[in-house]
Amino acid sequence: MIVFILLFSFSLLLNAQEPTVKSLQAYVNNDITGLPVIRLGTNDKLNIEFDAEAEEEPSFAIVFKFCDENWTQYTDIGLIGINDNTLYNVDVERLPMTIEGAEYHIKESFPQDNVEFLRSGNWKFFITDVQDTSIVYDWGEFYVVKNSTKLKTNIQDWRREGSISGNSELDRVLNLKVSFNIPDSLSPFRVKYVKIIKNLETSNPVILPKESFSTTKGYEWNGANSFTFITRDLEPGNEYRQTNLYDHHRFQYPVTRAQFDGIEYSRFYQFGKRDLNGGFKLMNRNNQYADYLTVQFLFRPPDKTDDDIFIVGSFTNWEVLPWFKLDNKEGLYSINLELKRGIYDYQYVTGIEEGDFVKDIDRRIFEGNFWETNNVYSIFVYYKSPEFGEYDEIIGYKRIVR
């Protein structure tokens, strides 16, 4: 009998479902819809929050890695420190039994215990199995900045220069100028570039390198410590589309439509309503209706297109990915996504699927382009630090709303 019980328990262990991480959020302090940026020398806290679907209470670890400008992890002990920057005792909370789609909730804030962010630059975190941290369930990115360089910015409405599209709607752009003086302790030759991220679109940054001269981009240096970077082709786009799934009477479990009216159409000439600047807000986890729904998005383009149509949004981390391509049935495009009750920003784009990537992406064809659009621009100055065999440091940061 004892042998049978042991074998039965071992069989259950082998067949146990791996936990699934859902609705992952990474934000600093209480800014749940903003880009996660930690400022060194402050009391900023990185919050990592998510649900988990699992047959039994999962055991997670959260591992942090310091990365270069291309998000490749450093291995130099001088950079990563003697601590392994891992939280092993992750607290797990049971969700109300009435909630469908997830059983557990996790929220942790950092730095804490042996997790600390000592250097500015790009950072990643990985949600892993506590016994085997090579098993990764999900991951995210955030920035740590050292404001040793103060940025001055000027932004204004502009008209596209050089290659004109022939459509005045598409030629609305912004002229952004970023100026700064680096401290005498830093070498001007080690300043690398300025990176601009609109809202949460981290996969689609604008890079302004040194010695870049064109009709739309420029760079000035006084030969000492004063720099100016200019771009004249920032496309403001439109306010994002939005689905609000809070109302459980209108949007009923388990299957619902993203919009109560059903089908969506092009907004090329229609300015949108105020949005979350690319973010999402979830229903309180203790609400009995905070279920996961199958949400159907329906879209009909104004004309036939030879390109594929994709949905991109806060639920794709604003990445245009092949597995978010819409199905086409006689000109009506659709996709079903599992989403927790909440508010989500998104939009429709065209592109061409090529393996695991999407190329020739057009973000304006269905969404339009308006100077009146309210966006948050995060501006970073990257610097090649000579310490520890060199590493990519962020020496300046500013967030502007336009």
Protein backbone atom coordinates (compact mmCIF):
# COMPACT_ATOMS: atom_id res chain seq x y z
CA MET A 1 0.00 0.00 0.00
CA ILE A 2 2.84 2.42 0.81
CA VAL A 3 4.52 1.67 -2.51
CA PHE A 4 1.21 2.33 -4.34
CA ILE A 5 0.75 5.70 -2.64
CA LEU A 6 4.31 6.74 -3.48
CA LEU A 7 3.91 5.71 -7.12
CA PHE A 8 0.54 7.47 -7.36
CA SER A 9 2.00 10.68 -5.90
CA PHE A 10 4.95 10.51 -8.27
CA SER A 11 2.56 10.09 -11.21
CA LEU A 12 0.59 13.16 -10.15
CA LEU A 13 3.84 15.13 -9.90
CA LEU A 14 4.86 14.13 -13.43
CA ASN A 15 1.47 15.12 -14.84
CA ALA A 16 1.20 18.37 -12.90
CA GLN A 17 0.49 21.39 -15.04
CA GLU A 18 3.29 23.91 -15.40
CA PRO A 19 2.17 27.31 -14.06
CA THR A 20 1.22 29.97 -16.60
CA VAL A 21 2.07 33.61 -15.93
CA LYS A 22 -0.69 36.03 -16.96
CA SER A 23 -1.23 39.82 -17.00
CA LEU A 24 2.37 40.63 -16.17
CA GLN A 25 2.94 44.25 -15.14
CA ALA A 26 6.21 46.02 -14.33
CA TYR A 27 5.89 49.60 -13.12
CA VAL A 28 7.68 52.07 -10.87
CA ASN A 29 5.99 53.38 -7.71
CA ASN A 30 2.28 53.92 -8.51
CA ASP A 31 2.64 54.69 -12.22
CA ILE A 32 0.96 51.49 -13.45
CA THR A 33 0.71 52.62 -17.09
CA GLY A 34 4.13 54.28 -17.45
CA LEU A 35 7.45 53.05 -18.78
CA PRO A 36 9.35 51.42 -15.87
CA VAL A 37 12.30 53.72 -15.14
CA ILE A 38 14.17 53.70 -11.82
CA ARG A 39 16.21 56.77 -10.89
CA LEU A 40 19.36 56.01 -8.91
CA GLY A 41 19.65 57.91 -5.65
CA THR A 42 15.89 58.01 -5.10
CA ASN A 43 13.38 55.82 -3.28
CA ASP A 44 11.92 54.51 -6.54
CA LYS A 45 10.46 51.00 -6.31
CA LEU A 46 10.02 48.58 -9.18
CA ASN A 47 6.78 46.63 -8.78
CA ILE A 48 6.36 43.29 -10.53
CA GLU A 49 2.81 41.97 -10.46
CA PHE A 50 1.09 39.06 -12.21
CA ASP A 51 -1.47 36.28 -11.97
CA ALA A 52 -0.68 32.59 -12.24
CA GLU A 53 -2.80 29.74 -13.53
CA ALA A 54 -1.73 26.56 -11.76
CA GLU A 55 -3.21 23.36 -10.35
CA GLU A 56 -1.37 23.87 -7.07
CA GLU A 57 0.41 26.79 -5.43
CA PRO A 58 3.45 27.58 -7.58
CA SER A 59 6.94 28.39 -6.35
CA PHE A 60 8.53 31.22 -8.31
CA ALA A 61 11.85 32.98 -8.27
CA ILE A 62 12.50 36.39 -9.89
CA VAL A 63 15.97 36.79 -11.41
CA PHE A 64 17.45 40.16 -12.44
CA LYS A 65 20.14 40.65 -15.09
CA PHE A 66 22.10 43.76 -16.08
CA CYS A 67 22.29 44.14 -19.87
CA ASP A 68 24.08 46.08 -22.59
CA GLU A 69 22.40 48.43 -25.06
CA ASN A 70 21.14 45.43 -27.08
CA TRP A 71 19.68 43.71 -23.99
CA THR A 72 22.42 41.05 -23.88
CA GLN A 73 23.26 40.06 -20.31
CA TYR A 74 26.63 41.01 -18.84
CA THR A 75 28.68 38.28 -17.17
CA ASP A 76 31.58 40.31 -15.72
CA ILE A 77 31.55 39.88 -11.94
CA GLY A 78 32.57 43.50 -11.54
CA LEU A 79 29.33 44.56 -13.22
CA ILE A 80 26.88 42.05 -11.80
CA GLY A 81 28.25 42.13 -8.24
CA ILE A 82 28.65 39.31 -5.74
CA ASN A 83 24.90 38.94 -5.13
CA ASP A 84 22.97 36.81 -7.59
CA ASN A 85 20.15 39.42 -7.68
CA THR A 86 17.49 36.75 -7.28
CA LEU A 87 14.42 36.70 -5.06
CA TYR A 88 13.67 33.09 -4.09
CA ASN A 89 10.91 33.51 -1.49
CA VAL A 90 8.25 35.02 -3.76
CA ASP A 91 4.97 35.55 -1.91
CA VAL A 92 1.94 33.90 -3.52
CA GLU A 93 -1.62 35.01 -2.77
CA ARG A 94 -4.74 32.94 -3.49
CA LEU A 95 -7.28 34.66 -5.72
CA PRO A 96 -11.00 34.45 -4.90
CA MET A 97 -12.45 31.06 -5.84
CA THR A 98 -15.04 32.74 -8.10
CA ILE A 99 -12.40 34.02 -10.55
CA GLU A 100 -11.97 32.01 -13.73
CA GLY A 101 -8.66 31.81 -15.60
CA ALA A 102 -6.16 32.16 -12.76
CA GLU A 103 -5.80 30.91 -9.19
CA TYR A 104 -2.91 32.89 -7.71
CA HIS A 105 -1.56 36.44 -7.59
CA ILE A 106 1.99 37.68 -7.03
CA LYS A 107 3.24 41.19 -6.28
CA GLU A 108 6.78 42.05 -5.22
CA SER A 109 8.64 45.37 -4.96
CA PHE A 110 12.36 45.98 -5.50
CA PRO A 111 15.05 46.57 -4.44
CA GLN A 112 14.80 44.20 -1.48
CA ASP A 113 16.84 41.51 0.27
CA ASN A 114 19.80 40.71 -2.01
CA VAL A 115 18.25 42.37 -5.06
CA GLU A 116 19.69 45.80 -5.83
CA PHE A 117 20.26 47.90 -8.95
CA LEU A 118 23.69 49.48 -8.56
CA ARG A 119 24.34 50.55 -12.15
CA SER A 120 22.38 52.55 -14.66
CA GLY A 121 21.45 50.97 -17.99
CA ASN A 122 19.16 48.29 -19.37
CA TRP A 123 17.85 45.59 -17.02
CA LYS A 124 15.81 42.43 -17.48
CA PHE A 125 13.90 40.29 -15.02
CA PHE A 126 12.88 36.66 -15.41
CA ILE A 127 10.08 34.81 -13.62
CA THR A 128 11.42 31.30 -13.14
CA ASP A 129 10.95 28.06 -11.29
CA VAL A 130 12.43 28.37 -7.82
CA GLN A 131 14.25 25.03 -8.09
CA ASP A 132 15.54 25.55 -11.62
CA THR A 133 15.98 29.17 -12.70
CA SER A 134 16.68 28.06 -16.27
CA ILE A 135 12.93 27.38 -16.55
CA VAL A 136 11.55 30.81 -17.50
CA TYR A 137 7.79 31.42 -17.46
CA ASP A 138 7.88 35.10 -18.50
CA TRP A 139 10.21 38.09 -18.50
CA GLY A 140 10.28 41.86 -18.77
CA GLU A 141 12.52 44.89 -19.21
CA PHE A 142 13.11 48.09 -17.28
CA TYR A 143 15.58 50.96 -17.15
CA VAL A 144 17.82 52.29 -14.39
CA VAL A 145 19.06 55.84 -14.99
CA LYS A 146 21.70 58.07 -13.43
CA ASN A 147 20.75 61.70 -13.98
CA SER A 148 24.28 63.07 -14.04
CA THR A 149 23.31 64.97 -17.20
CA LYS A 150 20.34 67.33 -17.29
CA LEU A 151 18.41 67.36 -20.56
CA LYS A 152 16.77 70.39 -22.14
CA THR A 153 14.11 69.67 -24.74
CA ASN A 154 12.10 71.63 -27.27
CA ILE A 155 9.29 70.05 -29.28
CA GLN A 156 6.99 71.60 -31.87
CA ASP A 157 4.67 70.73 -34.73
CA TRP A 158 6.48 70.28 -38.03
CA ARG A 159 5.98 69.24 -41.63
CA ARG A 160 7.91 66.32 -43.05
CA GLU A 161 10.98 67.36 -45.01
CA GLY A 162 12.73 65.57 -47.84
CA SER A 163 10.62 62.62 -49.01
CA ILE A 164 7.02 63.86 -48.98
CA SER A 165 4.29 61.22 -48.93
CA GLY A 166 1.75 63.14 -51.02
CA ASN A 167 -0.78 62.94 -48.18
CA SER A 168 -0.82 65.89 -45.80
CA GLU A 169 -2.20 63.67 -43.03
CA LEU A 170 0.94 61.52 -43.10
CA ASP A 171 3.33 64.47 -43.27
CA ARG A 172 2.44 65.76 -39.80
CA VAL A 173 5.51 65.21 -37.65
CA LEU A 174 7.18 66.67 -34.57
CA ASN A 175 10.52 68.47 -34.37
CA LEU A 176 12.30 67.41 -31.17
CA LYS A 177 15.58 68.95 -30.01
CA VAL A 178 17.51 67.44 -27.07
CA SER A 179 20.41 69.47 -25.62
CA PHE A 180 22.73 68.72 -22.69
CA ASN A 181 26.15 69.33 -21.17
CA ILE A 182 28.02 66.36 -19.76
CA PRO A 183 30.06 66.75 -16.54
CA ASP A 184 33.81 67.34 -16.83
CA SER A 185 34.37 63.89 -15.31
CA LEU A 186 32.92 62.26 -18.46
CA SER A 187 34.55 61.97 -21.87
CA PRO A 188 32.62 63.53 -24.77
CA PHE A 189 33.99 60.83 -27.06
CA ARG A 190 32.12 58.19 -25.05
CA VAL A 191 28.67 59.69 -25.57
CA LYS A 192 26.93 57.14 -27.83
CA TYR A 193 23.42 58.25 -28.80
CA VAL A 194 20.01 59.46 -27.70
CA LYS A 195 17.09 57.02 -27.62
CA ILE A 196 13.47 58.16 -27.72
CA ILE A 197 10.58 55.86 -26.79
CA LYS A 198 6.98 56.92 -27.44
CA ASN A 199 4.68 55.75 -24.64
CA LEU A 200 5.45 52.03 -24.11
CA GLU A 201 6.59 51.24 -27.66
CA THR A 202 10.00 49.92 -26.60
CA SER A 203 10.31 47.70 -29.68
CA ASN A 204 10.04 50.76 -31.95
CA PRO A 205 12.50 53.35 -30.55
CA VAL A 206 13.94 56.35 -32.39
CA ILE A 207 17.75 56.29 -32.22
CA LEU A 208 19.74 59.51 -32.74
CA PRO A 209 23.42 58.56 -33.11
CA LYS A 210 26.38 60.92 -33.14
CA GLU A 211 27.57 62.19 -36.51
CA SER A 212 24.14 61.54 -38.05
CA PHE A 213 23.23 64.16 -40.63
CA SER A 214 20.20 63.99 -42.91
CA THR A 215 17.16 66.02 -43.86
CA THR A 216 15.33 64.78 -40.76
CA LYS A 217 18.08 64.11 -38.18
CA GLY A 218 20.99 66.17 -36.95
CA TYR A 219 23.75 66.28 -34.35
CA GLU A 220 25.77 69.19 -32.96
CA TRP A 221 28.85 69.18 -30.72
CA ASN A 222 30.86 72.18 -29.61
CA GLY A 223 34.09 70.17 -29.35
CA ALA A 224 33.86 70.16 -25.55
CA ASN A 225 30.97 68.95 -23.40
CA SER A 226 27.89 70.43 -25.11
CA PHE A 227 25.66 68.27 -27.32
CA THR A 228 22.43 68.70 -29.28
CA PHE A 229 20.50 65.92 -31.00
CA ILE A 230 17.62 66.73 -33.37
CA THR A 231 14.92 64.70 -35.08
CA ARG A 232 12.33 66.25 -37.38
CA ASP A 233 10.30 63.16 -38.22
CA LEU A 234 8.61 61.97 -35.02
CA GLU A 235 5.16 60.78 -36.05
CA PRO A 236 2.60 61.53 -33.32
CA GLY A 237 0.09 58.97 -34.64
CA ASN A 238 -3.38 58.85 -33.14
CA GLU A 239 -4.76 58.16 -29.71
CA TYR A 240 -4.90 54.39 -29.30
CA ARG A 241 -8.06 52.38 -29.62
CA GLN A 242 -9.34 51.09 -26.31
CA THR A 243 -11.46 48.27 -24.96
CA ASN A 244 -13.01 48.58 -21.51
CA LEU A 245 -14.15 45.18 -20.21
CA TYR A 246 -15.13 46.25 -16.69
CA ASP A 247 -18.90 46.03 -17.21
CA HIS A 248 -19.75 42.34 -16.67
CA HIS A 249 -23.31 42.89 -17.94
CA ARG A 250 -22.22 44.20 -21.35
CA PHE A 251 -19.11 42.03 -21.63
CA GLN A 252 -20.20 38.69 -20.30
CA TYR A 253 -18.05 35.74 -19.37
CA PRO A 254 -16.71 33.59 -21.03
CA VAL A 255 -16.77 34.99 -24.61
CA THR A 256 -17.32 38.61 -25.56
CA ARG A 257 -16.44 41.23 -28.16
CA ALA A 258 -13.83 43.92 -27.63
CA GLN A 259 -16.33 46.59 -28.68
CA PHE A 260 -20.00 46.39 -27.71
CA ASP A 261 -20.93 47.69 -31.17
CA GLY A 262 -18.95 44.87 -32.79
CA ILE A 263 -16.94 45.67 -35.91
CA GLU A 264 -14.25 48.37 -35.97
CA TYR A 265 -13.18 50.45 -38.97
CA SER A 266 -10.35 52.72 -40.10
CA ARG A 267 -9.73 55.89 -38.07
CA PHE A 268 -7.40 57.50 -40.59
CA TYR A 269 -9.40 60.74 -40.64
CA GLN A 270 -10.94 60.37 -37.16
CA PHE A 271 -9.12 61.66 -34.10
CA GLY A 272 -9.45 59.24 -31.19
CA LYS A 273 -10.46 59.66 -27.58
CA ARG A 274 -7.95 60.10 -24.75
CA ASP A 275 -6.17 56.85 -23.90
CA LEU A 276 -3.75 55.34 -21.33
CA ASN A 277 -0.68 56.20 -23.43
CA GLY A 278 -0.28 52.54 -24.35
CA GLY A 279 -0.90 51.03 -20.94
CA PHE A 280 -3.58 48.88 -19.34
CA LYS A 281 -5.50 48.82 -16.07
CA LEU A 282 -6.84 45.62 -14.57
CA MET A 283 -9.91 45.04 -12.45
CA ASN A 284 -9.06 44.66 -8.77
CA ARG A 285 -7.90 41.11 -8.19
CA ASN A 286 -10.35 40.64 -5.32
CA ASN A 287 -13.36 41.55 -7.42
CA GLN A 288 -15.50 38.46 -8.01
CA TYR A 289 -15.87 39.39 -11.69
CA ALA A 290 -12.12 39.75 -12.39
CA ASP A 291 -12.20 36.78 -14.77
CA TYR A 292 -10.23 36.03 -17.90
CA LEU A 293 -12.41 36.37 -20.98
CA THR A 294 -12.06 35.25 -24.57
CA VAL A 295 -12.25 38.61 -26.33
CA GLN A 296 -13.02 38.83 -30.04
CA PHE A 297 -11.63 41.74 -32.05
CA LEU A 298 -13.38 42.41 -35.38
CA PHE A 299 -11.98 44.80 -37.99
CA ARG A 300 -13.01 45.66 -41.54
CA PRO A 301 -10.45 47.70 -43.57
CA PRO A 302 -11.76 50.27 -46.05
CA ASP A 303 -9.99 48.64 -49.00
CA LYS A 304 -8.55 45.27 -49.89
CA THR A 305 -4.94 44.94 -48.81
CA ASP A 306 -2.31 42.45 -49.92
CA ASP A 307 -0.49 42.84 -46.59
CA ASP A 308 -1.36 41.00 -43.40
CA ILE A 309 -3.21 42.81 -40.62
CA PHE A 310 -2.04 42.50 -37.03
CA ILE A 311 -3.28 43.70 -33.67
CA VAL A 312 -0.68 45.32 -31.43
CA GLY A 313 -1.19 46.74 -27.97
CA SER A 314 -0.55 46.65 -24.27
CA PHE A 315 -1.27 42.89 -24.32
CA THR A 316 1.53 42.30 -26.91
CA ASN A 317 4.02 44.65 -25.20
CA TRP A 318 3.54 46.76 -28.36
CA GLU A 319 5.44 44.21 -30.42
CA VAL A 320 4.04 43.32 -33.85
CA LEU A 321 4.21 39.52 -33.79
CA PRO A 322 3.10 36.80 -36.26
CA TRP A 323 0.85 35.07 -33.71
CA PHE A 324 -1.24 38.23 -33.43
CA LYS A 325 -2.18 38.21 -37.12
CA LEU A 326 -5.91 38.56 -37.79
CA ASP A 327 -7.83 35.92 -39.76
CA ASN A 328 -9.44 37.18 -42.97
CA LYS A 329 -12.87 35.93 -44.01
CA GLU A 330 -14.19 37.81 -47.02
CA GLY A 331 -12.75 41.13 -45.85
CA LEU A 332 -13.73 40.80 -42.18
CA TYR A 333 -10.63 40.34 -40.02
CA SER A 334 -10.77 38.82 -36.55
CA ILE A 335 -8.72 37.46 -33.68
CA ASN A 336 -9.61 36.02 -30.26
CA LEU A 337 -7.46 36.88 -27.25
CA GLU A 338 -7.64 35.87 -23.60
CA LEU A 339 -7.73 39.02 -21.46
CA LYS A 340 -8.47 39.74 -17.84
CA ARG A 341 -11.23 42.25 -17.18
CA GLY A 342 -9.69 45.70 -17.50
CA ILE A 343 -8.94 48.54 -19.90
CA TYR A 344 -6.46 47.98 -22.75
CA ASP A 345 -4.94 50.25 -25.41
CA TYR A 346 -4.32 48.77 -28.87
CA GLN A 347 -4.31 49.47 -32.63
CA TYR A 348 -4.32 47.71 -36.01
CA VAL A 349 -1.26 47.70 -38.28
CA THR A 350 -0.27 46.11 -41.56
CA GLY A 351 2.88 44.12 -42.29
CA ILE A 352 4.23 41.02 -43.96
CA GLU A 353 4.73 37.86 -41.93
CA GLU A 354 8.17 36.35 -42.44
CA GLY A 355 8.90 33.41 -40.15
CA ASP A 356 8.92 34.61 -36.54
CA PHE A 357 9.05 38.26 -37.59
CA VAL A 358 6.88 40.89 -39.25
CA LYS A 359 8.45 43.28 -41.75
CA ASP A 360 7.29 46.42 -43.62
CA ILE A 361 5.08 47.50 -40.72
CA ASP A 362 2.72 50.43 -41.34
CA ARG A 363 1.33 51.87 -38.10
CA ARG A 364 -0.61 54.75 -39.68
CA ILE A 365 -2.62 53.22 -42.51
CA PHE A 366 -5.69 52.49 -40.33
CA GLU A 367 -5.00 54.80 -37.38
CA GLY A 368 -4.12 58.21 -38.83
CA ASN A 369 -1.61 60.81 -37.70
CA PHE A 370 -2.58 63.93 -35.69
CA TRP A 371 -0.60 66.71 -34.03
CA GLU A 372 -3.27 66.80 -31.31
CA THR A 373 -2.34 63.31 -30.10
CA ASN A 374 -1.15 63.22 -26.49
CA ASN A 375 1.98 61.08 -26.08
CA VAL A 376 4.65 60.52 -23.44
CA TYR A 377 8.22 60.56 -24.80
CA SER A 378 10.98 59.00 -22.69
CA ILE A 379 14.44 60.27 -23.67
CA PHE A 380 17.66 58.44 -22.72
CA VAL A 381 21.32 59.38 -23.25
CA TYR A 382 23.59 56.33 -23.59
CA TYR A 383 27.28 56.50 -22.65
CA LYS A 384 30.08 53.91 -22.93
CA SER A 385 31.52 53.80 -19.42
CA PRO A 386 35.23 52.81 -19.29
CA GLU A 387 34.78 50.94 -16.01
CA PHE A 388 34.90 47.14 -15.74
CA GLY A 389 35.97 46.65 -19.32
CA GLU A 390 33.32 49.11 -20.55
CA TYR A 391 29.56 48.95 -20.27
CA ASP A 392 26.54 50.83 -21.60
CA GLU A 393 25.36 53.39 -19.09
CA ILE A 394 22.37 55.76 -19.13
CA ILE A 395 23.64 59.15 -17.96
CA GLY A 396 20.62 61.29 -18.82
CA TYR A 397 16.86 60.81 -18.77
CA LYS A 398 13.80 62.98 -19.22
CA ARG A 399 10.13 62.31 -19.76
CA ILE A 400 8.02 64.84 -21.64
CA VAL A 401 4.31 64.89 -22.45
CA ARG A 402 3.25 66.24 -25.82
